[in-house]
Amino acid sequence: VIGIPSRFGVTSLQENRRHGVNQRLSKLCREAGIHYVEYKADRSRICPDRVHFNEMGQHDGAGMIFRHCRNFLL
């Protein structure tokens, strides 16, 4: 399970909510024996809309997911 990524230009309330959801999700995953990962993209990996990943962000995120999952492929 992948956590909700950071966003830029949001209020502290919105960021606190995102962080809280990720903390609860991480705890639920731990309790269920499910792996939880979080992708922390910097501003250079986000589109001008401040929500979606640009090509570099998509590449980095996909690489992170692959590196995590490849241990389970063999």
C-alpha atoms as a PDB file:
ATOM      1  CA  VAL A   1       0.000   0.000   0.000  1.00  0.00           C
ATOM      2  CA  ILE A   2       1.314   3.449  -0.895  1.00  0.00           C
ATOM      3  CA  GLY A   3       0.559   6.446   1.298  1.00  0.00           C
ATOM      4  CA  ILE A   4      -0.939   9.692   0.065  1.00  0.00           C
ATOM      5  CA  PRO A   5       1.946  11.799  -1.275  1.00  0.00           C
ATOM      6  CA  SER A   6       2.728  15.307  -0.047  1.00  0.00           C
ATOM      7  CA  ARG A   7       1.206  18.260  -1.849  1.00  0.00           C
ATOM      8  CA  PHE A   8       2.577  21.732  -2.136  1.00  0.00           C
ATOM      9  CA  GLY A   9       0.636  24.935  -1.570  1.00  0.00           C
ATOM     10  CA  VAL A  10      -1.963  23.435   0.774  1.00  0.00           C
ATOM     11  CA  THR A  11      -3.019  24.643   4.186  1.00  0.00           C
ATOM     12  CA  SER A  12      -1.542  23.185   7.359  1.00  0.00           C
ATOM     13  CA  LEU A  13      -4.940  21.652   8.107  1.00  0.00           C
ATOM     14  CA  GLN A  14      -4.913  19.798   4.785  1.00  0.00           C
ATOM     15  CA  GLU A  15      -1.322  18.654   5.311  1.00  0.00           C
ATOM     16  CA  ASN A  16      -2.110  17.525   8.861  1.00  0.00           C
ATOM     17  CA  ARG A  17      -5.076  15.515   7.579  1.00  0.00           C
ATOM     18  CA  ARG A  18      -2.922  13.837   4.932  1.00  0.00           C
ATOM     19  CA  HIS A  19      -0.264  13.031   7.493  1.00  0.00           C
ATOM     20  CA  GLY A  20      -2.880  11.658   9.915  1.00  0.00           C
ATOM     21  CA  VAL A  21      -4.410   9.422   7.248  1.00  0.00           C
ATOM     22  CA  ASN A  22      -0.962   8.098   6.339  1.00  0.00           C
ATOM     23  CA  GLN A  23      -0.174   7.365   9.981  1.00  0.00           C
ATOM     24  CA  ARG A  24      -3.430   5.444  10.435  1.00  0.00           C
ATOM     25  CA  LEU A  25      -2.921   3.610   7.149  1.00  0.00           C
ATOM     26  CA  SER A  26       0.618   2.664   8.133  1.00  0.00           C
ATOM     27  CA  LYS A  27      -0.618   1.309  11.474  1.00  0.00           C
ATOM     28  CA  LEU A  28      -3.395  -0.711   9.833  1.00  0.00           C
ATOM     29  CA  CYS A  29      -0.920  -2.165   7.370  1.00  0.00           C
ATOM     30  CA  ARG A  30       1.494  -3.144  10.153  1.00  0.00           C
ATOM     31  CA  GLU A  31      -1.307  -4.836  12.090  1.00  0.00           C
ATOM     32  CA  ALA A  32      -2.432  -6.747   8.984  1.00  0.00           C
ATOM     33  CA  GLY A  33       1.102  -7.714   7.942  1.00  0.00           C
ATOM     34  CA  ILE A  34       0.886  -5.610   4.779  1.00  0.00           C
ATOM     35  CA  HIS A  35       3.817  -3.567   3.521  1.00  0.00           C
ATOM     36  CA  TYR A  36       3.324   0.207   3.526  1.00  0.00           C
ATOM     37  CA  VAL A  37       5.557   2.567   1.562  1.00  0.00           C
ATOM     38  CA  GLU A  38       5.580   6.322   1.209  1.00  0.00           C
ATOM     39  CA  TYR A  39       6.901   8.283  -1.751  1.00  0.00           C
ATOM     40  CA  LYS A  40       8.105  11.743  -0.772  1.00  0.00           C
ATOM     41  CA  ALA A  41       8.468  13.724  -3.984  1.00  0.00           C
ATOM     42  CA  ASP A  42      10.102  17.129  -4.017  1.00  0.00           C
ATOM     43  CA  ARG A  43       8.702  20.066  -5.984  1.00  0.00           C
ATOM     44  CA  SER A  44      10.720  19.214  -9.084  1.00  0.00           C
ATOM     45  CA  ARG A  45       8.717  15.971  -9.385  1.00  0.00           C
ATOM     46  CA  ILE A  46       5.281  17.629  -9.312  1.00  0.00           C
ATOM     47  CA  CYS A  47       3.306  19.154 -12.201  1.00  0.00           C
ATOM     48  CA  PRO A  48       2.378  22.850 -12.127  1.00  0.00           C
ATOM     49  CA  ASP A  49      -1.099  21.845 -10.870  1.00  0.00           C
ATOM     50  CA  ARG A  50       0.691  20.889  -7.598  1.00  0.00           C
ATOM     51  CA  VAL A  51      -1.205  17.581  -7.452  1.00  0.00           C
ATOM     52  CA  HIS A  52       0.035  15.170 -10.115  1.00  0.00           C
ATOM     53  CA  PHE A  53       3.496  13.766 -10.660  1.00  0.00           C
ATOM     54  CA  ASN A  54       5.351  14.961 -13.736  1.00  0.00           C
ATOM     55  CA  GLU A  55       7.308  12.491 -15.884  1.00  0.00           C
ATOM     56  CA  MET A  56      10.290  12.506 -13.513  1.00  0.00           C
ATOM     57  CA  GLY A  57       8.002  12.025 -10.497  1.00  0.00           C
ATOM     58  CA  GLN A  58       6.204   9.143 -12.188  1.00  0.00           C
ATOM     59  CA  HIS A  59       9.536   7.533 -13.057  1.00  0.00           C
ATOM     60  CA  ASP A  60      10.866   7.910  -9.509  1.00  0.00           C
ATOM     61  CA  GLY A  61       7.620   6.669  -7.953  1.00  0.00           C
ATOM     62  CA  ALA A  62       7.448   3.655 -10.257  1.00  0.00           C
ATOM     63  CA  GLY A  63      11.098   2.861  -9.506  1.00  0.00           C
ATOM     64  CA  MET A  64      10.442   3.000  -5.778  1.00  0.00           C
ATOM     65  CA  ILE A  65       7.464   0.653  -6.141  1.00  0.00           C
ATOM     66  CA  PHE A  66       9.455  -1.747  -8.326  1.00  0.00           C
ATOM     67  CA  ARG A  67      12.409  -1.822  -5.922  1.00  0.00           C
ATOM     68  CA  HIS A  68      10.029  -2.603  -3.079  1.00  0.00           C
ATOM     69  CA  CYS A  69       8.147  -5.315  -4.998  1.00  0.00           C
ATOM     70  CA  ARG A  70      11.048  -7.064  -6.716  1.00  0.00           C
ATOM     71  CA  ASN A  71      11.923  -8.827  -3.457  1.00  0.00           C
ATOM     72  CA  PHE A  72       8.614 -10.672  -3.728  1.00  0.00           C
ATOM     73  CA  LEU A  73       8.934 -11.631  -7.409  1.00  0.00           C
ATOM     74  CA  LEU A  74      11.411 -14.489  -6.972  1.00  0.00           C
END
